[in-house]
Structures are given as C-alpha cells and as structure tokens.
C-alpha cells in the first residue's frame, strides 16, 4: 500500500511538473484567462437576451424557457469548443512549422509539439465551457418550477446573470490591476444595455 501511494504521489508530481512545463512553453494560463473572460461574457449576455425575449413575449411555461436556454447553451458550448480547437490547432501548427524552419530541426514528438497539442485541447475546453456554463447558471431557477413561480424565476435568472457579470468584472479588474469598480461597471452596463434594447423592440408593431 505504501509503495502504491508513493508511486501515485510520484506520478501526480510528474504530471503537475509536465503541465507547468507545457504552460511555460505554450502560455496556456494567460490565454485561458482571456478566453474565460471573453466567452464567459458572451455566454451570460446571450442568455440575458434569451430570458428577456421569453419574458417580453410572456412565456409562462418553465420548460419552454429551459428548452430555449439549453439549446443556446449547447450551441455556445459546441461553437466555443469547435472554433477554438480549429483556430488554435491551425495557429500552433503554423508556429511549430515556422520554428522548425528557423531551427532546421524536426520538432515532431518533442516537448514543444506536445505542449502545443496540450494547449489546443485545454484552450478549446476553456473556450467552450466558459460560455456554456455562464449561460446555464441563470437557467437554474427554472428547473425548480414546482417551487418557484415563473416571474420569480425570471428575476432570479436576471440577478444571477448580473452576478456573473460582476464576477467577470472583478476578475478582469484584478488581473489588469485597474479600478475594480470601473471594471464591474463596464460589465454590468452591457447587461443593462441589452435589456434596454430588448424593451425597445416592444415598441415595434
């Protein structure tokens, strides 16, 4: 048992060191932060639009809101994963080819090529999940239709959406070392702007 535990600990340590090496080579953490903020913002703004549309037209069935919202979440998830994987793999393949030409060495199978492949997978997952998850969270109240009235579900959903926008604002403010309040304001104003534009549509007959 002790040997098994030691082997597991050693493998875990080697895995962590390998990931850290890949991160240094491919700059994964910095790009992941950017993808998380960018696509997380896209996801929550998109679901605000979905909730607002259902609210304005008077959708009173929780299931209808869930179906529409989940369809958007799935689309964001697939779009984020697919687009990031294809763009990252193409861009990193080009970088690898350029490096091979400048060094006159075949880098296939080296730690550099493995780092680039690893980065492509990680970034595509982050890209897809960040938008899909942030779009899903405001839908949670609608899964409790037997406990929460539909109007209250809308209000809670909007509140969760703006809470996510606030969290993204805090995140961006901290990593940029800028005024956090201004960063939060920039994010939440976008949500308010979407709602105002949505209500303007009601004036169109």
C-alpha atoms as a PDB file:
ATOM      1  CA  UNK A   1       0.000   0.000   0.000  1.00  0.00           C
ATOM      2  CA  UNK A   2       2.828   2.380   0.872  1.00  0.00           C
ATOM      3  CA  UNK A   3       4.551   1.701  -2.467  1.00  0.00           C
ATOM      4  CA  UNK A   4       1.307   2.247  -4.357  1.00  0.00           C
ATOM      5  CA  UNK A   5       0.751   5.540  -2.523  1.00  0.00           C
ATOM      6  CA  UNK A   6       4.324   6.653  -3.224  1.00  0.00           C
ATOM      7  CA  UNK A   7       4.021   5.720  -6.909  1.00  0.00           C
ATOM      8  CA  UNK A   8       0.734   7.620  -7.194  1.00  0.00           C
ATOM      9  CA  UNK A   9       2.276  10.638  -5.484  1.00  0.00           C
ATOM     10  CA  UNK A  10       5.293  10.480  -7.796  1.00  0.00           C
ATOM     11  CA  UNK A  11       3.089  10.210 -10.910  1.00  0.00           C
ATOM     12  CA  UNK A  12       0.972  13.138  -9.745  1.00  0.00           C
ATOM     13  CA  UNK A  13       4.073  15.223  -9.120  1.00  0.00           C
ATOM     14  CA  UNK A  14       5.453  14.375 -12.573  1.00  0.00           C
ATOM     15  CA  UNK A  15       2.084  15.245 -14.159  1.00  0.00           C
ATOM     16  CA  UNK A  16       1.990  18.623 -12.413  1.00  0.00           C
ATOM     17  CA  UNK A  17       5.557  19.372 -13.463  1.00  0.00           C
ATOM     18  CA  UNK A  18       4.716  18.365 -17.044  1.00  0.00           C
ATOM     19  CA  UNK A  19       1.670  20.658 -17.112  1.00  0.00           C
ATOM     20  CA  UNK A  20       3.748  23.520 -15.689  1.00  0.00           C
ATOM     21  CA  UNK A  21       6.320  22.949 -18.443  1.00  0.00           C
ATOM     22  CA  UNK A  22       3.622  22.934 -21.121  1.00  0.00           C
ATOM     23  CA  UNK A  23       2.189  26.122 -19.635  1.00  0.00           C
ATOM     24  CA  UNK A  24       5.553  27.902 -19.833  1.00  0.00           C
ATOM     25  CA  UNK A  25       6.092  26.831 -23.428  1.00  0.00           C
ATOM     26  CA  UNK A  26       2.572  27.455 -24.772  1.00  0.00           C
ATOM     27  CA  UNK A  27       1.461  30.312 -22.493  1.00  0.00           C
ATOM     28  CA  UNK A  28      -1.710  28.410 -21.587  1.00  0.00           C
ATOM     29  CA  UNK A  29      -2.747  30.203 -18.378  1.00  0.00           C
ATOM     30  CA  UNK A  30      -2.655  33.698 -19.851  1.00  0.00           C
ATOM     31  CA  UNK A  31      -4.658  32.739 -22.929  1.00  0.00           C
ATOM     32  CA  UNK A  32      -7.091  30.721 -20.788  1.00  0.00           C
ATOM     33  CA  UNK A  33      -7.821  33.788 -18.662  1.00  0.00           C
ATOM     34  CA  UNK A  34      -8.572  35.795 -21.787  1.00  0.00           C
ATOM     35  CA  UNK A  35     -10.818  33.064 -23.226  1.00  0.00           C
ATOM     36  CA  UNK A  36     -12.629  32.645 -19.912  1.00  0.00           C
ATOM     37  CA  UNK A  37     -13.461  36.342 -19.609  1.00  0.00           C
ATOM     38  CA  UNK A  38     -14.323  36.822 -23.278  1.00  0.00           C
ATOM     39  CA  UNK A  39     -16.532  33.781 -23.712  1.00  0.00           C
ATOM     40  CA  UNK A  40     -17.976  33.886 -20.215  1.00  0.00           C
ATOM     41  CA  UNK A  41     -19.169  37.389 -21.046  1.00  0.00           C
ATOM     42  CA  UNK A  42     -20.604  36.207 -24.379  1.00  0.00           C
ATOM     43  CA  UNK A  43     -22.466  33.374 -22.655  1.00  0.00           C
ATOM     44  CA  UNK A  44     -24.141  35.481 -19.987  1.00  0.00           C
ATOM     45  CA  UNK A  45     -25.057  38.304 -22.371  1.00  0.00           C
ATOM     46  CA  UNK A  46     -26.583  35.763 -24.768  1.00  0.00           C
ATOM     47  CA  UNK A  47     -28.709  34.140 -22.054  1.00  0.00           C
ATOM     48  CA  UNK A  48     -29.876  37.567 -20.847  1.00  0.00           C
ATOM     49  CA  UNK A  49     -31.246  38.034 -24.357  1.00  0.00           C
ATOM     50  CA  UNK A  50     -32.957  34.632 -24.260  1.00  0.00           C
ATOM     51  CA  UNK A  51     -34.539  35.277 -20.853  1.00  0.00           C
ATOM     52  CA  UNK A  52     -35.582  38.767 -21.851  1.00  0.00           C
ATOM     53  CA  UNK A  53     -37.201  37.536 -25.062  1.00  0.00           C
ATOM     54  CA  UNK A  54     -39.198  34.911 -23.188  1.00  0.00           C
ATOM     55  CA  UNK A  55     -40.171  37.411 -20.513  1.00  0.00           C
ATOM     56  CA  UNK A  56     -41.350  40.030 -23.013  1.00  0.00           C
ATOM     57  CA  UNK A  57     -43.488  37.611 -25.036  1.00  0.00           C
ATOM     58  CA  UNK A  58     -44.965  36.260 -21.813  1.00  0.00           C
ATOM     59  CA  UNK A  59     -43.656  32.701 -21.741  1.00  0.00           C
ATOM     60  CA  UNK A  60     -45.213  31.152 -18.641  1.00  0.00           C
ATOM     61  CA  UNK A  61     -44.014  27.565 -19.010  1.00  0.00           C
ATOM     62  CA  UNK A  62     -40.743  26.838 -17.226  1.00  0.00           C
ATOM     63  CA  UNK A  63     -39.976  24.010 -19.647  1.00  0.00           C
ATOM     64  CA  UNK A  64     -40.186  26.307 -22.653  1.00  0.00           C
ATOM     65  CA  UNK A  65     -37.596  28.641 -21.141  1.00  0.00           C
ATOM     66  CA  UNK A  66     -35.377  25.681 -20.244  1.00  0.00           C
ATOM     67  CA  UNK A  67     -35.554  24.204 -23.757  1.00  0.00           C
ATOM     68  CA  UNK A  68     -34.747  27.538 -25.401  1.00  0.00           C
ATOM     69  CA  UNK A  69     -31.979  28.276 -22.919  1.00  0.00           C
ATOM     70  CA  UNK A  70     -30.402  24.820 -23.074  1.00  0.00           C
ATOM     71  CA  UNK A  71     -30.394  24.951 -26.873  1.00  0.00           C
ATOM     72  CA  UNK A  72     -28.389  28.170 -26.616  1.00  0.00           C
ATOM     73  CA  UNK A  73     -26.039  26.647 -24.009  1.00  0.00           C
ATOM     74  CA  UNK A  74     -25.352  23.647 -26.235  1.00  0.00           C
ATOM     75  CA  UNK A  75     -24.763  25.893 -29.242  1.00  0.00           C
ATOM     76  CA  UNK A  76     -22.333  28.069 -27.270  1.00  0.00           C
ATOM     77  CA  UNK A  77     -20.521  25.020 -25.910  1.00  0.00           C
ATOM     78  CA  UNK A  78     -20.106  23.364 -29.311  1.00  0.00           C
ATOM     79  CA  UNK A  79     -19.268  26.640 -31.052  1.00  0.00           C
ATOM     80  CA  UNK A  80     -16.692  27.564 -28.422  1.00  0.00           C
ATOM     81  CA  UNK A  81     -15.004  24.159 -28.425  1.00  0.00           C
ATOM     82  CA  UNK A  82     -15.059  23.749 -32.193  1.00  0.00           C
ATOM     83  CA  UNK A  83     -13.889  27.237 -33.115  1.00  0.00           C
ATOM     84  CA  UNK A  84     -11.117  27.323 -30.507  1.00  0.00           C
ATOM     85  CA  UNK A  85      -9.836  23.839 -31.367  1.00  0.00           C
ATOM     86  CA  UNK A  86      -9.647  24.550 -35.090  1.00  0.00           C
ATOM     87  CA  UNK A  87      -8.196  28.049 -34.776  1.00  0.00           C
ATOM     88  CA  UNK A  88      -5.698  27.095 -32.059  1.00  0.00           C
ATOM     89  CA  UNK A  89      -4.553  23.914 -33.830  1.00  0.00           C
ATOM     90  CA  UNK A  90      -4.058  25.806 -37.097  1.00  0.00           C
ATOM     91  CA  UNK A  91      -2.222  28.701 -35.455  1.00  0.00           C
ATOM     92  CA  UNK A  92       0.002  26.468 -33.337  1.00  0.00           C
ATOM     93  CA  UNK A  93       0.799  24.185 -36.265  1.00  0.00           C
ATOM     94  CA  UNK A  94       1.955  27.268 -38.152  1.00  0.00           C
ATOM     95  CA  UNK A  95       4.097  28.404 -35.206  1.00  0.00           C
ATOM     96  CA  UNK A  96       5.657  24.945 -34.991  1.00  0.00           C
ATOM     97  CA  UNK A  97       6.412  24.888 -38.717  1.00  0.00           C
ATOM     98  CA  UNK A  98       7.957  28.363 -38.523  1.00  0.00           C
ATOM     99  CA  UNK A  99      10.104  27.272 -35.580  1.00  0.00           C
ATOM    100  CA  UNK A 100      11.209  24.154 -37.464  1.00  0.00           C
ATOM    101  CA  UNK A 101      12.228  26.272 -40.449  1.00  0.00           C
ATOM    102  CA  UNK A 102      14.197  28.699 -38.290  1.00  0.00           C
ATOM    103  CA  UNK A 103      15.954  25.966 -36.277  1.00  0.00           C
ATOM    104  CA  UNK A 104      16.276  23.445 -39.149  1.00  0.00           C
ATOM    105  CA  UNK A 105      15.045  20.693 -36.811  1.00  0.00           C
ATOM    106  CA  UNK A 106      12.031  18.390 -36.910  1.00  0.00           C
ATOM    107  CA  UNK A 107      10.116  19.168 -33.690  1.00  0.00           C
ATOM    108  CA  UNK A 108       7.514  16.429 -34.048  1.00  0.00           C
ATOM    109  CA  UNK A 109       7.380  14.394 -30.831  1.00  0.00           C
ATOM    110  CA  UNK A 110       9.343  16.960 -28.820  1.00  0.00           C
ATOM    111  CA  UNK A 111       8.126  18.644 -25.657  1.00  0.00           C
ATOM    112  CA  UNK A 112       7.346  21.735 -27.731  1.00  0.00           C
ATOM    113  CA  UNK A 113       4.958  19.905 -30.053  1.00  0.00           C
ATOM    114  CA  UNK A 114       3.345  18.097 -27.097  1.00  0.00           C
ATOM    115  CA  UNK A 115       2.885  21.412 -25.310  1.00  0.00           C
ATOM    116  CA  UNK A 116       1.193  22.895 -28.362  1.00  0.00           C
ATOM    117  CA  UNK A 117      -1.196  19.947 -28.672  1.00  0.00           C
ATOM    118  CA  UNK A 118      -1.969  20.080 -24.966  1.00  0.00           C
ATOM    119  CA  UNK A 119      -2.614  23.824 -25.175  1.00  0.00           C
ATOM    120  CA  UNK A 120      -5.011  23.342 -28.087  1.00  0.00           C
ATOM    121  CA  UNK A 121      -7.115  20.867 -26.098  1.00  0.00           C
ATOM    122  CA  UNK A 122      -7.122  22.878 -22.864  1.00  0.00           C
ATOM    123  CA  UNK A 123      -7.961  26.164 -24.578  1.00  0.00           C
ATOM    124  CA  UNK A 124     -10.771  24.641 -26.624  1.00  0.00           C
ATOM    125  CA  UNK A 125     -12.313  23.203 -23.437  1.00  0.00           C
ATOM    126  CA  UNK A 126     -11.987  26.530 -21.611  1.00  0.00           C
ATOM    127  CA  UNK A 127     -13.429  28.379 -24.591  1.00  0.00           C
ATOM    128  CA  UNK A 128     -16.495  26.171 -24.777  1.00  0.00           C
ATOM    129  CA  UNK A 129     -17.158  25.644 -21.087  1.00  0.00           C
ATOM    130  CA  UNK A 130     -16.811  29.307 -20.123  1.00  0.00           C
ATOM    131  CA  UNK A 131     -19.645  30.382 -22.426  1.00  0.00           C
ATOM    132  CA  UNK A 132     -21.780  27.280 -21.875  1.00  0.00           C
ATOM    133  CA  UNK A 133     -21.567  27.359 -18.086  1.00  0.00           C
ATOM    134  CA  UNK A 134     -22.168  31.092 -17.695  1.00  0.00           C
ATOM    135  CA  UNK A 135     -25.198  30.770 -19.966  1.00  0.00           C
ATOM    136  CA  UNK A 136     -26.514  27.793 -17.978  1.00  0.00           C
ATOM    137  CA  UNK A 137     -26.317  29.279 -14.468  1.00  0.00           C
ATOM    138  CA  UNK A 138     -29.153  31.850 -14.946  1.00  0.00           C
ATOM    139  CA  UNK A 139     -31.393  28.987 -16.116  1.00  0.00           C
ATOM    140  CA  UNK A 140     -31.100  27.109 -12.804  1.00  0.00           C
ATOM    141  CA  UNK A 141     -34.188  28.713 -11.151  1.00  0.00           C
ATOM    142  CA  UNK A 142     -36.388  27.420 -13.986  1.00  0.00           C
ATOM    143  CA  UNK A 143     -35.544  23.831 -13.039  1.00  0.00           C
ATOM    144  CA  UNK A 144     -37.442  24.399  -9.784  1.00  0.00           C
ATOM    145  CA  UNK A 145     -40.759  25.244 -11.407  1.00  0.00           C
ATOM    146  CA  UNK A 146     -42.751  23.450  -8.723  1.00  0.00           C
ATOM    147  CA  UNK A 147     -41.185  25.603  -6.028  1.00  0.00           C
ATOM    148  CA  UNK A 148     -40.529  28.945  -7.719  1.00  0.00           C
ATOM    149  CA  UNK A 149     -43.179  30.948  -9.624  1.00  0.00           C
ATOM    150  CA  UNK A 150     -42.250  31.740 -13.225  1.00  0.00           C
ATOM    151  CA  UNK A 151     -41.947  35.509 -12.668  1.00  0.00           C
ATOM    152  CA  UNK A 152     -39.642  34.967  -9.699  1.00  0.00           C
ATOM    153  CA  UNK A 153     -37.568  32.548 -11.803  1.00  0.00           C
ATOM    154  CA  UNK A 154     -37.044  35.323 -14.359  1.00  0.00           C
ATOM    155  CA  UNK A 155     -35.974  37.797 -11.668  1.00  0.00           C
ATOM    156  CA  UNK A 156     -33.596  35.304 -10.067  1.00  0.00           C
ATOM    157  CA  UNK A 157     -32.212  34.402 -13.506  1.00  0.00           C
ATOM    158  CA  UNK A 158     -31.510  38.056 -14.298  1.00  0.00           C
ATOM    159  CA  UNK A 159     -29.958  38.526 -10.851  1.00  0.00           C
ATOM    160  CA  UNK A 160     -27.663  35.535 -11.399  1.00  0.00           C
ATOM    161  CA  UNK A 161     -26.682  36.885 -14.821  1.00  0.00           C
ATOM    162  CA  UNK A 162     -25.698  40.241 -13.358  1.00  0.00           C
ATOM    163  CA  UNK A 163     -23.897  38.479 -10.522  1.00  0.00           C
ATOM    164  CA  UNK A 164     -21.808  36.640 -13.139  1.00  0.00           C
ATOM    165  CA  UNK A 165     -21.104  39.916 -14.945  1.00  0.00           C
ATOM    166  CA  UNK A 166     -19.988  41.388 -11.621  1.00  0.00           C
ATOM    167  CA  UNK A 167     -17.701  38.391 -11.049  1.00  0.00           C
ATOM    168  CA  UNK A 168     -16.163  38.785 -14.508  1.00  0.00           C
ATOM    169  CA  UNK A 169     -15.661  42.488 -13.790  1.00  0.00           C
ATOM    170  CA  UNK A 170     -13.872  41.693 -10.520  1.00  0.00           C
ATOM    171  CA  UNK A 171     -11.761  39.056 -12.289  1.00  0.00           C
ATOM    172  CA  UNK A 172     -10.712  41.446 -15.055  1.00  0.00           C
ATOM    173  CA  UNK A 173     -10.105  44.267 -12.601  1.00  0.00           C
ATOM    174  CA  UNK A 174      -7.777  42.137 -10.521  1.00  0.00           C
ATOM    175  CA  UNK A 175      -5.717  40.693 -13.367  1.00  0.00           C
ATOM    176  CA  UNK A 176      -5.389  44.101 -15.013  1.00  0.00           C
ATOM    177  CA  UNK A 177      -4.710  45.827 -11.667  1.00  0.00           C
ATOM    178  CA  UNK A 178      -7.193  48.520 -12.567  1.00  0.00           C
ATOM    179  CA  UNK A 179     -10.116  50.015 -10.668  1.00  0.00           C
ATOM    180  CA  UNK A 180     -12.383  47.042  -9.884  1.00  0.00           C
ATOM    181  CA  UNK A 181     -15.495  49.220  -9.579  1.00  0.00           C
ATOM    182  CA  UNK A 182     -14.975  50.604 -13.095  1.00  0.00           C
ATOM    183  CA  UNK A 183     -14.407  47.081 -14.406  1.00  0.00           C
ATOM    184  CA  UNK A 184     -17.638  45.858 -12.799  1.00  0.00           C
ATOM    185  CA  UNK A 185     -19.496  48.876 -14.169  1.00  0.00           C
ATOM    186  CA  UNK A 186     -18.318  48.119 -17.711  1.00  0.00           C
ATOM    187  CA  UNK A 187     -19.632  44.566 -17.492  1.00  0.00           C
ATOM    188  CA  UNK A 188     -22.991  45.346 -15.900  1.00  0.00           C
ATOM    189  CA  UNK A 189     -23.695  48.287 -18.220  1.00  0.00           C
ATOM    190  CA  UNK A 190     -23.548  45.830 -21.127  1.00  0.00           C
ATOM    191  CA  UNK A 191     -26.280  43.756 -19.483  1.00  0.00           C
ATOM    192  CA  UNK A 192     -28.447  46.821 -18.864  1.00  0.00           C
ATOM    193  CA  UNK A 193     -27.875  47.903 -22.477  1.00  0.00           C
ATOM    194  CA  UNK A 194     -29.132  44.535 -23.761  1.00  0.00           C
ATOM    195  CA  UNK A 195     -32.271  44.797 -21.614  1.00  0.00           C
ATOM    196  CA  UNK A 196     -32.994  48.356 -22.756  1.00  0.00           C
ATOM    197  CA  UNK A 197     -32.582  47.399 -26.407  1.00  0.00           C
ATOM    198  CA  UNK A 198     -34.813  44.391 -25.841  1.00  0.00           C
ATOM    199  CA  UNK A 199     -37.572  46.559 -24.435  1.00  0.00           C
ATOM    200  CA  UNK A 200     -37.220  48.941 -27.362  1.00  0.00           C
ATOM    201  CA  UNK A 201     -38.294  46.053 -29.588  1.00  0.00           C
ATOM    202  CA  UNK A 202     -41.678  46.095 -27.872  1.00  0.00           C
ATOM    203  CA  UNK A 203     -42.278  49.490 -29.454  1.00  0.00           C
ATOM    204  CA  UNK A 204     -42.110  47.929 -32.918  1.00  0.00           C
ATOM    205  CA  UNK A 205     -45.525  46.917 -34.189  1.00  0.00           C
END
